[in-house]
């Protein structure tokens, strides 16, 4: 039973780390990255549809993202969706595709993006610690119900702490890598 609690908590911690890395991919750096458009929804036949399902998104060079819709009638809709997403991007269309020039980041913008990265990392660290707290509460309940001994409680609690330390270190590493990519010119 305690091993199942630890395994379930590790799975939750992995998902939290994967979620963080997905969020990091949407934080823009100075280079064109199609992932910054991941959260954009387009009105397609009255249904909010993710942009990647209605168009091909690519980065032909480091300063441009192109969005080529499968249905040409969506060009203006896609352009409007990108503008209203408040990503700081200014798309333009040529009737067949949307071209999004990626402006170089200035120092103030870079610092703001680093703050965003640090906040995302801290939020995920809190989530990891909450998972640890839930596991330890579950272990204490097992000990209270006399299903595990006090020594086993201490041992499993230490294992939960080691898992927490491992995933927090991975979050710190991911955040540091993202900060370096944002600050590099």
Protein backbone atom coordinates (compact mmCIF):
# COMPACT_ATOMS: atom_id res chain seq x y z
CA UNK A 1 0.00 0.00 0.00
CA UNK A 2 2.71 2.58 0.86
CA UNK A 3 4.65 1.67 -2.29
CA UNK A 4 1.50 2.29 -4.34
CA UNK A 5 1.15 5.72 -2.73
CA UNK A 6 4.77 6.54 -3.61
CA UNK A 7 4.38 5.24 -7.19
CA UNK A 8 1.22 7.29 -7.69
CA UNK A 9 2.93 10.39 -6.30
CA UNK A 10 5.91 9.92 -8.61
CA UNK A 11 3.54 9.66 -11.58
CA UNK A 12 1.86 12.93 -10.53
CA UNK A 13 5.26 14.60 -10.15
CA UNK A 14 6.26 13.44 -13.65
CA UNK A 15 3.06 14.90 -15.07
CA UNK A 16 3.71 18.17 -13.27
CA UNK A 17 7.20 18.34 -14.80
CA UNK A 18 5.84 17.53 -18.26
CA UNK A 19 3.21 20.25 -17.83
CA UNK A 20 5.91 22.75 -16.86
CA UNK A 21 8.00 21.90 -19.91
CA UNK A 22 4.94 22.34 -22.10
CA UNK A 23 4.30 25.75 -20.52
CA UNK A 24 7.95 26.68 -21.05
CA UNK A 25 7.65 25.91 -24.76
CA UNK A 26 4.99 28.61 -25.07
CA UNK A 27 7.26 31.27 -23.50
CA UNK A 28 8.95 32.91 -26.43
CA UNK A 29 12.65 33.39 -26.81
CA UNK A 30 14.34 35.54 -29.43
CA UNK A 31 13.96 32.80 -32.03
CA UNK A 32 10.90 31.69 -33.98
CA UNK A 33 9.28 28.72 -32.26
CA UNK A 34 5.93 27.39 -33.54
CA UNK A 35 5.10 26.18 -30.00
CA UNK A 36 4.30 29.76 -28.93
CA UNK A 37 1.09 29.43 -30.96
CA UNK A 38 -0.04 26.25 -29.15
CA UNK A 39 -2.69 27.91 -26.99
CA UNK A 40 -4.41 29.75 -29.81
CA UNK A 41 -7.99 28.78 -30.66
CA UNK A 42 -9.58 29.57 -34.03
CA UNK A 43 -13.32 29.81 -34.72
CA UNK A 44 -13.84 27.08 -37.32
CA UNK A 45 -17.46 26.55 -38.32
CA UNK A 46 -18.62 27.92 -34.98
CA UNK A 47 -16.35 25.68 -32.92
CA UNK A 48 -13.23 26.86 -31.08
CA UNK A 49 -10.53 24.69 -32.62
CA UNK A 50 -6.79 24.62 -31.80
CA UNK A 51 -4.78 26.39 -34.48
CA UNK A 52 -2.56 23.37 -35.17
CA UNK A 53 -5.66 21.36 -36.21
CA UNK A 54 -6.67 23.78 -38.97
CA UNK A 55 -3.27 24.87 -40.26
CA UNK A 56 0.31 23.86 -40.86
CA UNK A 57 2.65 25.85 -38.62
CA UNK A 58 6.36 26.14 -39.39
CA UNK A 59 9.41 28.30 -38.81
CA UNK A 60 11.20 28.72 -42.16
CA UNK A 61 13.90 30.84 -40.51
CA UNK A 62 14.82 32.02 -37.02
CA UNK A 63 12.81 35.24 -37.29
CA UNK A 64 9.55 34.12 -38.95
CA UNK A 65 6.68 31.73 -38.27
CA UNK A 66 4.33 30.81 -41.09
CA UNK A 67 0.81 29.50 -40.66
CA UNK A 68 -0.70 27.92 -43.76
CA UNK A 69 -4.38 27.03 -43.23
CA UNK A 70 -5.79 23.89 -44.83
CA UNK A 71 -8.85 25.97 -45.76
CA UNK A 72 -7.87 29.30 -47.39
CA UNK A 73 -11.01 31.01 -46.05
CA UNK A 74 -9.49 30.84 -42.54
CA UNK A 75 -6.56 33.18 -43.26
CA UNK A 76 -8.24 36.31 -41.83
CA UNK A 77 -9.69 34.35 -38.88
CA UNK A 78 -6.26 32.97 -38.00
CA UNK A 79 -4.68 36.41 -38.30
CA UNK A 80 -7.32 37.87 -35.96
CA UNK A 81 -6.90 35.00 -33.45
CA UNK A 82 -3.13 35.58 -33.29
CA UNK A 83 -3.65 39.32 -32.77
CA UNK A 84 -6.19 38.80 -29.97
CA UNK A 85 -3.97 36.21 -28.22
CA UNK A 86 -1.83 39.10 -26.90
CA UNK A 87 1.49 37.40 -27.62
CA UNK A 88 3.09 40.64 -28.74
CA UNK A 89 3.14 39.41 -32.34
CA UNK A 90 1.96 41.30 -35.40
CA UNK A 91 0.86 38.83 -38.11
CA UNK A 92 0.33 39.70 -41.74
CA UNK A 93 -1.31 37.66 -44.49
CA UNK A 94 -0.76 37.36 -48.23
CA UNK A 95 -4.12 35.71 -48.97
CA UNK A 96 -2.74 32.19 -48.72
CA UNK A 97 -0.83 32.11 -45.44
CA UNK A 98 -0.14 34.14 -42.33
CA UNK A 99 3.43 35.31 -41.77
CA UNK A 100 4.45 36.27 -38.26
CA UNK A 101 7.74 38.15 -37.93
CA UNK A 102 9.32 37.52 -34.53
CA UNK A 103 10.72 40.80 -33.23
CA UNK A 104 14.03 40.64 -31.40
CA UNK A 105 13.63 40.82 -27.63
CA UNK A 106 14.89 43.89 -25.81
CA UNK A 107 16.42 43.70 -22.34
CA UNK A 108 13.21 44.67 -20.49
CA UNK A 109 11.16 42.05 -22.35
CA UNK A 110 13.79 39.40 -21.63
CA UNK A 111 13.69 40.21 -17.92
CA UNK A 112 9.88 40.01 -17.90
CA UNK A 113 10.01 36.63 -19.63
CA UNK A 114 12.56 35.39 -17.07
CA UNK A 115 10.18 36.50 -14.28
CA UNK A 116 7.40 34.53 -15.99
CA UNK A 117 9.64 31.44 -16.19
CA UNK A 118 10.56 31.75 -12.50
CA UNK A 119 6.89 32.10 -11.53
CA UNK A 120 5.92 29.01 -13.57
CA UNK A 121 8.78 27.06 -11.98
CA UNK A 122 7.78 28.13 -8.47
CA UNK A 123 4.12 27.22 -9.08
CA UNK A 124 5.18 23.75 -10.16
CA UNK A 125 7.49 23.37 -7.15
CA UNK A 126 4.49 24.15 -4.94
CA UNK A 127 2.50 21.49 -6.80
CA UNK A 128 5.30 18.95 -6.20
CA UNK A 129 5.39 19.83 -2.49
CA UNK A 130 1.61 19.45 -2.28
CA UNK A 131 1.91 15.98 -3.77
CA UNK A 132 4.54 15.14 -1.13
CA UNK A 133 2.27 16.47 1.61
CA UNK A 134 -0.63 14.31 0.37
CA UNK A 135 1.57 11.20 0.33
CA UNK A 136 2.86 11.83 3.83
CA UNK A 137 -0.71 12.41 5.06
CA UNK A 138 -1.70 9.09 3.46
CA UNK A 139 1.25 7.36 5.13
CA UNK A 140 0.34 8.86 8.52
CA UNK A 141 -3.20 7.58 8.09
CA UNK A 142 -1.84 4.09 7.36
CA UNK A 143 0.33 4.29 10.47
CA UNK A 144 -2.63 5.50 12.55
CA UNK A 145 -4.69 2.55 11.28
CA UNK A 146 -1.79 0.27 12.31
CA UNK A 147 -1.17 -0.88 8.74
CA UNK A 148 2.47 0.24 8.84
CA UNK A 149 4.91 0.77 11.71
CA UNK A 150 6.38 4.05 12.86
CA UNK A 151 9.75 3.07 11.40
CA UNK A 152 8.12 2.25 8.05
CA UNK A 153 6.36 5.63 8.16
CA UNK A 154 9.71 7.36 8.63
CA UNK A 155 11.32 5.30 5.84
CA UNK A 156 8.51 5.95 3.33
CA UNK A 157 8.40 9.64 4.29
CA UNK A 158 12.13 9.85 3.53
CA UNK A 159 11.50 8.21 0.14
CA UNK A 160 8.75 10.77 -0.57
CA UNK A 161 11.18 13.56 0.33
CA UNK A 162 13.84 12.11 -2.00
CA UNK A 163 11.31 12.02 -4.84
CA UNK A 164 10.35 15.61 -4.10
CA UNK A 165 13.99 16.72 -4.08
CA UNK A 166 14.61 14.92 -7.38
CA UNK A 167 11.70 16.59 -9.19
CA UNK A 168 12.38 20.03 -7.71
CA UNK A 169 15.99 19.74 -8.95
CA UNK A 170 14.65 18.86 -12.43
CA UNK A 171 12.32 21.88 -12.33
CA UNK A 172 15.25 24.11 -11.35
CA UNK A 173 17.33 22.71 -14.23
CA UNK A 174 14.53 23.24 -16.76
CA UNK A 175 13.97 26.79 -15.51
CA UNK A 176 17.69 27.57 -15.67
CA UNK A 177 17.91 26.22 -19.24
CA UNK A 178 14.90 28.29 -20.32
CA UNK A 179 16.34 31.42 -18.67
CA UNK A 180 19.62 30.91 -20.54
CA UNK A 181 17.80 30.54 -23.86
CA UNK A 182 15.80 33.73 -23.18
CA UNK A 183 18.82 35.78 -22.12
CA UNK A 184 21.11 34.61 -24.94
CA UNK A 185 21.18 36.97 -27.87
